[in-house]
């Protein structure tokens, strides 16, 4: 390979590396700003680490290119007849247009992947909830025997821990119930860990903080107007409210699953 060919090759490698870096930065910014969760964890890590290889390739090709340009300054590269300026201009316009159009296409693919990830996560959480109900009826019935005292809270926490650990793929599960504090209706959340701050539990310590929309949904559930589940996804955090009615009392199983990376695989 002569010097001219090496210069051409290093120019192409440098250009390709720069384009890959631009794509990488665009994808990274889109994922960060819009909270897209598409890749499996190991694929995403490989994707992030690939930038090191791209930078190394870019630096290496630039150094080689400079070295050969310093040793051979040529006024002409190759003996091929030159294309007309019109053809060259048209070719450059097509390449530039294709390059610009690739960004909305990539963004659309990321957005679609994020939607599919949320759909699969919703199906997974709903299936987990149904499985728990079908295989742990006694535990669910115990949740309905609500009484705000240390014995009930401790037993509920222990049961929730059993449900969460029944399968390694199960998400975190808590239980929400409606009660009153000074004649004001509140939602209390009981998790799988019991850490009593005082000998006698205080209801205020168990209040479930939630958004306006979540509060309105829970209000309708405990009033008996809504018994359908509610799912939400935001920046890798997936939440499922799953109402259960037994013995004339309504409880809500609250499933949460947070992952750094979304995924299209199982």
C-alpha atoms as a PDB file:
ATOM      1  CA  UNK A   1       0.000   0.000   0.000  1.00  0.00           C
ATOM      2  CA  UNK A   2       1.506   3.315  -1.061  1.00  0.00           C
ATOM      3  CA  UNK A   3       1.443   6.578   0.852  1.00  0.00           C
ATOM      4  CA  UNK A   4      -1.513   8.036  -1.047  1.00  0.00           C
ATOM      5  CA  UNK A   5      -3.677   5.010  -0.269  1.00  0.00           C
ATOM      6  CA  UNK A   6      -2.719   5.143   3.405  1.00  0.00           C
ATOM      7  CA  UNK A   7      -3.686   8.820   3.540  1.00  0.00           C
ATOM      8  CA  UNK A   8      -7.038   8.035   1.914  1.00  0.00           C
ATOM      9  CA  UNK A   9      -7.652   5.163   4.325  1.00  0.00           C
ATOM     10  CA  UNK A  10      -6.835   7.200   7.427  1.00  0.00           C
ATOM     11  CA  UNK A  11      -9.064  10.037   6.189  1.00  0.00           C
ATOM     12  CA  UNK A  12     -11.969   7.620   5.794  1.00  0.00           C
ATOM     13  CA  UNK A  13     -11.367   6.047   9.198  1.00  0.00           C
ATOM     14  CA  UNK A  14     -11.253   9.483  10.811  1.00  0.00           C
ATOM     15  CA  UNK A  15     -14.478  10.541   9.083  1.00  0.00           C
ATOM     16  CA  UNK A  16     -16.216   7.286  10.065  1.00  0.00           C
ATOM     17  CA  UNK A  17     -15.068   7.663  13.685  1.00  0.00           C
ATOM     18  CA  UNK A  18     -16.388  11.230  13.851  1.00  0.00           C
ATOM     19  CA  UNK A  19     -19.769  10.142  12.437  1.00  0.00           C
ATOM     20  CA  UNK A  20     -19.989   7.289  14.965  1.00  0.00           C
ATOM     21  CA  UNK A  21     -19.174   9.716  17.772  1.00  0.00           C
ATOM     22  CA  UNK A  22     -21.913  12.087  16.607  1.00  0.00           C
ATOM     23  CA  UNK A  23     -24.426   9.219  16.584  1.00  0.00           C
ATOM     24  CA  UNK A  24     -23.239   8.064  20.001  1.00  0.00           C
ATOM     25  CA  UNK A  25     -23.646  11.538  21.509  1.00  0.00           C
ATOM     26  CA  UNK A  26     -27.111  11.897  19.942  1.00  0.00           C
ATOM     27  CA  UNK A  27     -28.288   8.532  21.307  1.00  0.00           C
ATOM     28  CA  UNK A  28     -26.809   9.256  24.739  1.00  0.00           C
ATOM     29  CA  UNK A  29     -28.487  12.686  24.903  1.00  0.00           C
ATOM     30  CA  UNK A  30     -31.838  11.278  23.729  1.00  0.00           C
ATOM     31  CA  UNK A  31     -31.722   8.538  26.367  1.00  0.00           C
ATOM     32  CA  UNK A  32     -30.722  10.993  29.100  1.00  0.00           C
ATOM     33  CA  UNK A  33     -33.157  13.807  28.287  1.00  0.00           C
ATOM     34  CA  UNK A  34     -36.215  11.683  27.445  1.00  0.00           C
ATOM     35  CA  UNK A  35     -35.479   8.799  29.804  1.00  0.00           C
ATOM     36  CA  UNK A  36     -35.636   6.114  27.113  1.00  0.00           C
ATOM     37  CA  UNK A  37     -34.969   2.587  28.404  1.00  0.00           C
ATOM     38  CA  UNK A  38     -34.312   0.274  25.497  1.00  0.00           C
ATOM     39  CA  UNK A  39     -31.156  -1.796  25.832  1.00  0.00           C
ATOM     40  CA  UNK A  40     -30.346  -4.718  28.065  1.00  0.00           C
ATOM     41  CA  UNK A  41     -27.836  -3.845  30.780  1.00  0.00           C
ATOM     42  CA  UNK A  42     -24.885  -5.692  29.231  1.00  0.00           C
ATOM     43  CA  UNK A  43     -25.618  -4.278  25.772  1.00  0.00           C
ATOM     44  CA  UNK A  44     -25.848  -0.753  27.162  1.00  0.00           C
ATOM     45  CA  UNK A  45     -22.570  -1.091  29.034  1.00  0.00           C
ATOM     46  CA  UNK A  46     -20.895  -2.324  25.844  1.00  0.00           C
ATOM     47  CA  UNK A  47     -22.453   0.608  24.000  1.00  0.00           C
ATOM     48  CA  UNK A  48     -20.999   3.096  26.486  1.00  0.00           C
ATOM     49  CA  UNK A  49     -17.571   1.437  26.454  1.00  0.00           C
ATOM     50  CA  UNK A  50     -17.488   1.475  22.658  1.00  0.00           C
ATOM     51  CA  UNK A  51     -16.830   5.214  22.728  1.00  0.00           C
ATOM     52  CA  UNK A  52     -13.355   4.479  24.108  1.00  0.00           C
ATOM     53  CA  UNK A  53     -12.610   2.281  21.109  1.00  0.00           C
ATOM     54  CA  UNK A  54     -13.975   4.908  18.722  1.00  0.00           C
ATOM     55  CA  UNK A  55     -11.798   7.619  20.277  1.00  0.00           C
ATOM     56  CA  UNK A  56      -8.736   5.369  20.133  1.00  0.00           C
ATOM     57  CA  UNK A  57      -9.435   4.613  16.462  1.00  0.00           C
ATOM     58  CA  UNK A  58      -9.909   8.311  15.698  1.00  0.00           C
ATOM     59  CA  UNK A  59      -6.714   9.408  17.451  1.00  0.00           C
ATOM     60  CA  UNK A  60      -4.671   6.635  15.865  1.00  0.00           C
ATOM     61  CA  UNK A  61      -5.871   7.371  12.336  1.00  0.00           C
ATOM     62  CA  UNK A  62      -5.292  11.125  12.767  1.00  0.00           C
ATOM     63  CA  UNK A  63      -1.724  10.553  13.975  1.00  0.00           C
ATOM     64  CA  UNK A  64      -0.930   8.218  11.069  1.00  0.00           C
ATOM     65  CA  UNK A  65      -2.522  10.646   8.632  1.00  0.00           C
ATOM     66  CA  UNK A  66      -0.402  13.543   9.912  1.00  0.00           C
ATOM     67  CA  UNK A  67       2.780  11.480   9.753  1.00  0.00           C
ATOM     68  CA  UNK A  68       2.267  10.476   6.131  1.00  0.00           C
ATOM     69  CA  UNK A  69       1.169  13.960   5.094  1.00  0.00           C
ATOM     70  CA  UNK A  70       4.369  15.413   6.560  1.00  0.00           C
ATOM     71  CA  UNK A  71       6.490  12.887   4.668  1.00  0.00           C
ATOM     72  CA  UNK A  72       4.626  13.263   1.398  1.00  0.00           C
ATOM     73  CA  UNK A  73       2.978  16.463   0.334  1.00  0.00           C
ATOM     74  CA  UNK A  74       1.213  15.710  -2.875  1.00  0.00           C
ATOM     75  CA  UNK A  75      -0.636  18.062  -5.155  1.00  0.00           C
ATOM     76  CA  UNK A  76      -2.701  15.305  -6.711  1.00  0.00           C
ATOM     77  CA  UNK A  77      -4.057  12.049  -5.270  1.00  0.00           C
ATOM     78  CA  UNK A  78      -4.340   9.258  -7.800  1.00  0.00           C
ATOM     79  CA  UNK A  79      -4.738   9.388 -11.539  1.00  0.00           C
ATOM     80  CA  UNK A  80      -8.504   8.924 -11.760  1.00  0.00           C
ATOM     81  CA  UNK A  81     -10.332  11.466 -13.918  1.00  0.00           C
ATOM     82  CA  UNK A  82     -12.201  13.983 -11.832  1.00  0.00           C
ATOM     83  CA  UNK A  83     -15.997  14.073 -11.835  1.00  0.00           C
ATOM     84  CA  UNK A  84     -17.765  17.189 -12.873  1.00  0.00           C
ATOM     85  CA  UNK A  85     -18.463  19.688 -10.114  1.00  0.00           C
ATOM     86  CA  UNK A  86     -22.213  19.233 -10.667  1.00  0.00           C
ATOM     87  CA  UNK A  87     -22.100  15.475 -10.021  1.00  0.00           C
ATOM     88  CA  UNK A  88     -19.899  15.957  -6.969  1.00  0.00           C
ATOM     89  CA  UNK A  89     -22.225  18.604  -5.565  1.00  0.00           C
ATOM     90  CA  UNK A  90     -25.279  16.367  -6.104  1.00  0.00           C
ATOM     91  CA  UNK A  91     -23.556  13.420  -4.456  1.00  0.00           C
ATOM     92  CA  UNK A  92     -22.611  15.513  -1.425  1.00  0.00           C
ATOM     93  CA  UNK A  93     -26.176  16.798  -1.108  1.00  0.00           C
ATOM     94  CA  UNK A  94     -27.574  13.248  -1.093  1.00  0.00           C
ATOM     95  CA  UNK A  95     -25.058  12.145   1.547  1.00  0.00           C
ATOM     96  CA  UNK A  96     -25.777  15.182   3.733  1.00  0.00           C
ATOM     97  CA  UNK A  97     -29.559  14.699   3.444  1.00  0.00           C
ATOM     98  CA  UNK A  98     -29.267  11.010   4.336  1.00  0.00           C
ATOM     99  CA  UNK A  99     -27.097  11.887   7.309  1.00  0.00           C
ATOM    100  CA  UNK A 100     -29.582  14.470   8.625  1.00  0.00           C
ATOM    101  CA  UNK A 101     -32.581  12.172   8.085  1.00  0.00           C
ATOM    102  CA  UNK A 102     -30.897   9.407  10.069  1.00  0.00           C
ATOM    103  CA  UNK A 103     -31.289  11.363  13.342  1.00  0.00           C
ATOM    104  CA  UNK A 104     -35.126  11.445  13.436  1.00  0.00           C
ATOM    105  CA  UNK A 105     -35.116   7.784  12.403  1.00  0.00           C
ATOM    106  CA  UNK A 106     -32.811   6.881  15.295  1.00  0.00           C
ATOM    107  CA  UNK A 107     -34.940   8.949  17.691  1.00  0.00           C
ATOM    108  CA  UNK A 108     -38.106   7.214  16.474  1.00  0.00           C
ATOM    109  CA  UNK A 109     -36.503   3.797  17.015  1.00  0.00           C
ATOM    110  CA  UNK A 110     -35.450   4.758  20.550  1.00  0.00           C
ATOM    111  CA  UNK A 111     -38.956   6.040  21.315  1.00  0.00           C
ATOM    112  CA  UNK A 112     -40.563   2.875  19.933  1.00  0.00           C
ATOM    113  CA  UNK A 113     -38.156   0.707  21.923  1.00  0.00           C
ATOM    114  CA  UNK A 114     -39.006   2.625  25.108  1.00  0.00           C
ATOM    115  CA  UNK A 115     -42.741   2.070  24.520  1.00  0.00           C
ATOM    116  CA  UNK A 116     -42.256  -1.658  23.928  1.00  0.00           C
ATOM    117  CA  UNK A 117     -40.120  -1.888  27.075  1.00  0.00           C
ATOM    118  CA  UNK A 118     -42.892  -0.263  29.143  1.00  0.00           C
ATOM    119  CA  UNK A 119     -45.521  -2.572  27.612  1.00  0.00           C
ATOM    120  CA  UNK A 120     -43.504  -5.657  28.456  1.00  0.00           C
ATOM    121  CA  UNK A 121     -42.818  -4.400  31.967  1.00  0.00           C
ATOM    122  CA  UNK A 122     -46.543  -3.724  32.466  1.00  0.00           C
ATOM    123  CA  UNK A 123     -47.416  -7.257  31.360  1.00  0.00           C
ATOM    124  CA  UNK A 124     -44.731  -8.654  33.652  1.00  0.00           C
ATOM    125  CA  UNK A 125     -46.019  -6.748  36.706  1.00  0.00           C
ATOM    126  CA  UNK A 126     -49.661  -7.663  36.014  1.00  0.00           C
ATOM    127  CA  UNK A 127     -48.749 -11.332  35.576  1.00  0.00           C
ATOM    128  CA  UNK A 128     -46.758 -11.184  38.851  1.00  0.00           C
ATOM    129  CA  UNK A 129     -49.754  -9.695  40.664  1.00  0.00           C
ATOM    130  CA  UNK A 130     -52.140 -12.342  39.328  1.00  0.00           C
ATOM    131  CA  UNK A 131     -49.706 -15.110  40.219  1.00  0.00           C
ATOM    132  CA  UNK A 132     -49.423 -13.838  43.791  1.00  0.00           C
ATOM    133  CA  UNK A 133     -53.197 -13.662  44.160  1.00  0.00           C
ATOM    134  CA  UNK A 134     -53.747 -17.167  42.798  1.00  0.00           C
ATOM    135  CA  UNK A 135     -51.014 -18.806  44.881  1.00  0.00           C
ATOM    136  CA  UNK A 136     -51.170 -16.844  48.141  1.00  0.00           C
ATOM    137  CA  UNK A 137     -54.864 -16.482  48.903  1.00  0.00           C
ATOM    138  CA  UNK A 138     -54.391 -16.972  52.657  1.00  0.00           C
ATOM    139  CA  UNK A 139     -51.816 -14.179  52.871  1.00  0.00           C
ATOM    140  CA  UNK A 140     -53.977 -11.809  50.828  1.00  0.00           C
ATOM    141  CA  UNK A 141     -56.932 -12.571  53.089  1.00  0.00           C
ATOM    142  CA  UNK A 142     -54.798 -11.712  56.121  1.00  0.00           C
ATOM    143  CA  UNK A 143     -54.091  -8.292  54.622  1.00  0.00           C
ATOM    144  CA  UNK A 144     -57.846  -7.643  54.614  1.00  0.00           C
ATOM    145  CA  UNK A 145     -58.090  -8.242  58.372  1.00  0.00           C
ATOM    146  CA  UNK A 146     -56.762  -4.769  58.983  1.00  0.00           C
ATOM    147  CA  UNK A 147     -56.118  -3.424  62.440  1.00  0.00           C
ATOM    148  CA  UNK A 148     -53.506  -0.766  63.081  1.00  0.00           C
ATOM    149  CA  UNK A 149     -51.399  -2.371  65.769  1.00  0.00           C
ATOM    150  CA  UNK A 150     -47.824  -3.738  66.049  1.00  0.00           C
ATOM    151  CA  UNK A 151     -48.926  -7.347  65.580  1.00  0.00           C
ATOM    152  CA  UNK A 152     -50.740  -6.662  62.285  1.00  0.00           C
ATOM    153  CA  UNK A 153     -47.939  -4.454  60.934  1.00  0.00           C
ATOM    154  CA  UNK A 154     -45.218  -6.956  61.800  1.00  0.00           C
ATOM    155  CA  UNK A 155     -47.167  -9.878  60.333  1.00  0.00           C
ATOM    156  CA  UNK A 156     -47.977  -7.918  57.184  1.00  0.00           C
ATOM    157  CA  UNK A 157     -44.329  -6.942  56.687  1.00  0.00           C
ATOM    158  CA  UNK A 158     -43.240 -10.549  57.076  1.00  0.00           C
ATOM    159  CA  UNK A 159     -45.857 -11.729  54.567  1.00  0.00           C
ATOM    160  CA  UNK A 160     -44.847  -9.067  52.042  1.00  0.00           C
ATOM    161  CA  UNK A 161     -41.227 -10.155  52.363  1.00  0.00           C
ATOM    162  CA  UNK A 162     -42.267 -13.741  51.607  1.00  0.00           C
ATOM    163  CA  UNK A 163     -44.204 -12.618  48.530  1.00  0.00           C
ATOM    164  CA  UNK A 164     -41.273 -10.520  47.234  1.00  0.00           C
ATOM    165  CA  UNK A 165     -38.809 -13.395  47.626  1.00  0.00           C
ATOM    166  CA  UNK A 166     -41.030 -16.135  46.254  1.00  0.00           C
ATOM    167  CA  UNK A 167     -39.372 -15.742  42.884  1.00  0.00           C
ATOM    168  CA  UNK A 168     -36.067 -13.991  42.098  1.00  0.00           C
ATOM    169  CA  UNK A 169     -37.665 -12.130  39.203  1.00  0.00           C
ATOM    170  CA  UNK A 170     -40.532 -10.731  41.298  1.00  0.00           C
ATOM    171  CA  UNK A 171     -40.617  -6.953  41.816  1.00  0.00           C
ATOM    172  CA  UNK A 172     -40.872  -5.215  45.176  1.00  0.00           C
ATOM    173  CA  UNK A 173     -44.399  -5.402  46.603  1.00  0.00           C
ATOM    174  CA  UNK A 174     -46.078  -3.289  49.287  1.00  0.00           C
ATOM    175  CA  UNK A 175     -49.637  -2.919  50.498  1.00  0.00           C
ATOM    176  CA  UNK A 176     -51.768   0.245  50.579  1.00  0.00           C
ATOM    177  CA  UNK A 177     -54.861   0.610  52.731  1.00  0.00           C
ATOM    178  CA  UNK A 178     -57.157   3.501  53.626  1.00  0.00           C
ATOM    179  CA  UNK A 179     -57.497   4.748  57.196  1.00  0.00           C
ATOM    180  CA  UNK A 180     -58.229   7.946  59.090  1.00  0.00           C
ATOM    181  CA  UNK A 181     -56.125  10.394  61.082  1.00  0.00           C
ATOM    182  CA  UNK A 182     -58.154  13.009  62.991  1.00  0.00           C
ATOM    183  CA  UNK A 183     -61.203  12.294  60.812  1.00  0.00           C
ATOM    184  CA  UNK A 184     -59.131  12.802  57.671  1.00  0.00           C
ATOM    185  CA  UNK A 185     -58.902   9.916  55.219  1.00  0.00           C
ATOM    186  CA  UNK A 186     -55.321   8.921  54.426  1.00  0.00           C
ATOM    187  CA  UNK A 187     -53.564   6.120  52.566  1.00  0.00           C
ATOM    188  CA  UNK A 188     -51.144   4.005  54.589  1.00  0.00           C
ATOM    189  CA  UNK A 189     -48.304   2.040  53.008  1.00  0.00           C
ATOM    190  CA  UNK A 190     -46.882  -1.131  54.559  1.00  0.00           C
ATOM    191  CA  UNK A 191     -43.664  -2.562  53.159  1.00  0.00           C
ATOM    192  CA  UNK A 192     -41.672  -5.735  53.583  1.00  0.00           C
ATOM    193  CA  UNK A 193     -39.454  -4.267  56.317  1.00  0.00           C
ATOM    194  CA  UNK A 194     -40.663  -3.422  59.789  1.00  0.00           C
ATOM    195  CA  UNK A 195     -38.656  -0.802  61.683  1.00  0.00           C
ATOM    196  CA  UNK A 196     -40.743   0.433  64.637  1.00  0.00           C
ATOM    197  CA  UNK A 197     -39.708   3.934  65.689  1.00  0.00           C
ATOM    198  CA  UNK A 198     -41.650   3.665  68.936  1.00  0.00           C
ATOM    199  CA  UNK A 199     -43.282   0.891  70.922  1.00  0.00           C
ATOM    200  CA  UNK A 200     -46.668   2.025  69.694  1.00  0.00           C
ATOM    201  CA  UNK A 201     -46.828   2.625  65.915  1.00  0.00           C
ATOM    202  CA  UNK A 202     -47.935   6.034  64.685  1.00  0.00           C
ATOM    203  CA  UNK A 203     -50.154   6.212  61.609  1.00  0.00           C
ATOM    204  CA  UNK A 204     -48.446   9.364  60.346  1.00  0.00           C
ATOM    205  CA  UNK A 205     -45.232   7.364  59.882  1.00  0.00           C
ATOM    206  CA  UNK A 206     -46.991   5.103  57.373  1.00  0.00           C
ATOM    207  CA  UNK A 207     -48.701   7.726  55.204  1.00  0.00           C
ATOM    208  CA  UNK A 208     -48.169   7.022  51.527  1.00  0.00           C
ATOM    209  CA  UNK A 209     -46.952  10.160  49.711  1.00  0.00           C
ATOM    210  CA  UNK A 210     -48.318  10.304  46.184  1.00  0.00           C
ATOM    211  CA  UNK A 211     -49.132  12.662  43.355  1.00  0.00           C
ATOM    212  CA  UNK A 212     -52.522  14.250  42.738  1.00  0.00           C
ATOM    213  CA  UNK A 213     -53.393  11.763  39.983  1.00  0.00           C
ATOM    214  CA  UNK A 214     -52.378   8.806  42.140  1.00  0.00           C
ATOM    215  CA  UNK A 215     -54.378  10.171  45.062  1.00  0.00           C
ATOM    216  CA  UNK A 216     -57.475  10.575  42.887  1.00  0.00           C
ATOM    217  CA  UNK A 217     -57.075   7.050  41.557  1.00  0.00           C
ATOM    218  CA  UNK A 218     -56.686   5.545  45.047  1.00  0.00           C
ATOM    219  CA  UNK A 219     -59.656   7.547  46.293  1.00  0.00           C
ATOM    220  CA  UNK A 220     -61.861   6.048  43.562  1.00  0.00           C
ATOM    221  CA  UNK A 221     -60.528   2.576  44.319  1.00  0.00           C
ATOM    222  CA  UNK A 222     -61.309   2.696  48.032  1.00  0.00           C
ATOM    223  CA  UNK A 223     -64.714   4.201  47.328  1.00  0.00           C
ATOM    224  CA  UNK A 224     -65.412   1.137  45.203  1.00  0.00           C
ATOM    225  CA  UNK A 225     -65.811   3.081  41.969  1.00  0.00           C
ATOM    226  CA  UNK A 226     -62.688   1.653  40.298  1.00  0.00           C
ATOM    227  CA  UNK A 227     -61.165  -1.816  40.639  1.00  0.00           C
ATOM    228  CA  UNK A 228     -58.958  -1.824  37.555  1.00  0.00           C
ATOM    229  CA  UNK A 229     -55.193  -1.641  37.928  1.00  0.00           C
ATOM    230  CA  UNK A 230     -53.090   1.427  37.177  1.00  0.00           C
ATOM    231  CA  UNK A 231     -49.612   1.297  35.620  1.00  0.00           C
ATOM    232  CA  UNK A 232     -47.054   4.061  35.190  1.00  0.00           C
ATOM    233  CA  UNK A 233     -43.509   4.234  33.831  1.00  0.00           C
ATOM    234  CA  UNK A 234     -41.060   7.070  34.288  1.00  0.00           C
ATOM    235  CA  UNK A 235     -37.292   7.094  33.701  1.00  0.00           C
ATOM    236  CA  UNK A 236     -36.781   3.412  34.442  1.00  0.00           C
ATOM    237  CA  UNK A 237     -39.206   3.296  37.387  1.00  0.00           C
ATOM    238  CA  UNK A 238     -42.280   1.111  36.863  1.00  0.00           C
ATOM    239  CA  UNK A 239     -45.261   1.171  39.241  1.00  0.00           C
ATOM    240  CA  UNK A 240     -48.398  -0.953  39.350  1.00  0.00           C
ATOM    241  CA  UNK A 241     -51.405  -0.383  41.625  1.00  0.00           C
ATOM    242  CA  UNK A 242     -53.403  -3.609  41.783  1.00  0.00           C
ATOM    243  CA  UNK A 243     -56.688  -3.403  43.783  1.00  0.00           C
ATOM    244  CA  UNK A 244     -57.941  -6.496  45.593  1.00  0.00           C
ATOM    245  CA  UNK A 245     -61.375  -6.811  47.222  1.00  0.00           C
ATOM    246  CA  UNK A 246     -62.039  -9.451  49.867  1.00  0.00           C
ATOM    247  CA  UNK A 247     -64.423  -9.667  52.835  1.00  0.00           C
ATOM    248  CA  UNK A 248     -65.900  -6.281  51.897  1.00  0.00           C
ATOM    249  CA  UNK A 249     -62.501  -4.594  52.365  1.00  0.00           C
ATOM    250  CA  UNK A 250     -60.362  -3.223  49.564  1.00  0.00           C
ATOM    251  CA  UNK A 251     -56.574  -3.277  49.646  1.00  0.00           C
ATOM    252  CA  UNK A 252     -54.129  -2.256  46.943  1.00  0.00           C
ATOM    253  CA  UNK A 253     -51.010  -4.248  46.145  1.00  0.00           C
ATOM    254  CA  UNK A 254     -48.323  -1.781  45.097  1.00  0.00           C
ATOM    255  CA  UNK A 255     -45.617  -3.218  42.849  1.00  0.00           C
ATOM    256  CA  UNK A 256     -42.476  -1.256  42.018  1.00  0.00           C
ATOM    257  CA  UNK A 257     -39.599  -2.194  39.776  1.00  0.00           C
ATOM    258  CA  UNK A 258     -36.658   0.050  39.020  1.00  0.00           C
ATOM    259  CA  UNK A 259     -33.886  -0.743  36.623  1.00  0.00           C
ATOM    260  CA  UNK A 260     -31.094   1.340  35.265  1.00  0.00           C
ATOM    261  CA  UNK A 261     -31.597  -0.036  31.776  1.00  0.00           C
ATOM    262  CA  UNK A 262     -34.795  -0.845  29.951  1.00  0.00           C
ATOM    263  CA  UNK A 263     -34.767  -3.965  27.829  1.00  0.00           C
ATOM    264  CA  UNK A 264     -36.608  -5.554  24.967  1.00  0.00           C
ATOM    265  CA  UNK A 265     -35.586  -9.050  26.019  1.00  0.00           C
ATOM    266  CA  UNK A 266     -37.026 -11.039  28.882  1.00  0.00           C
END
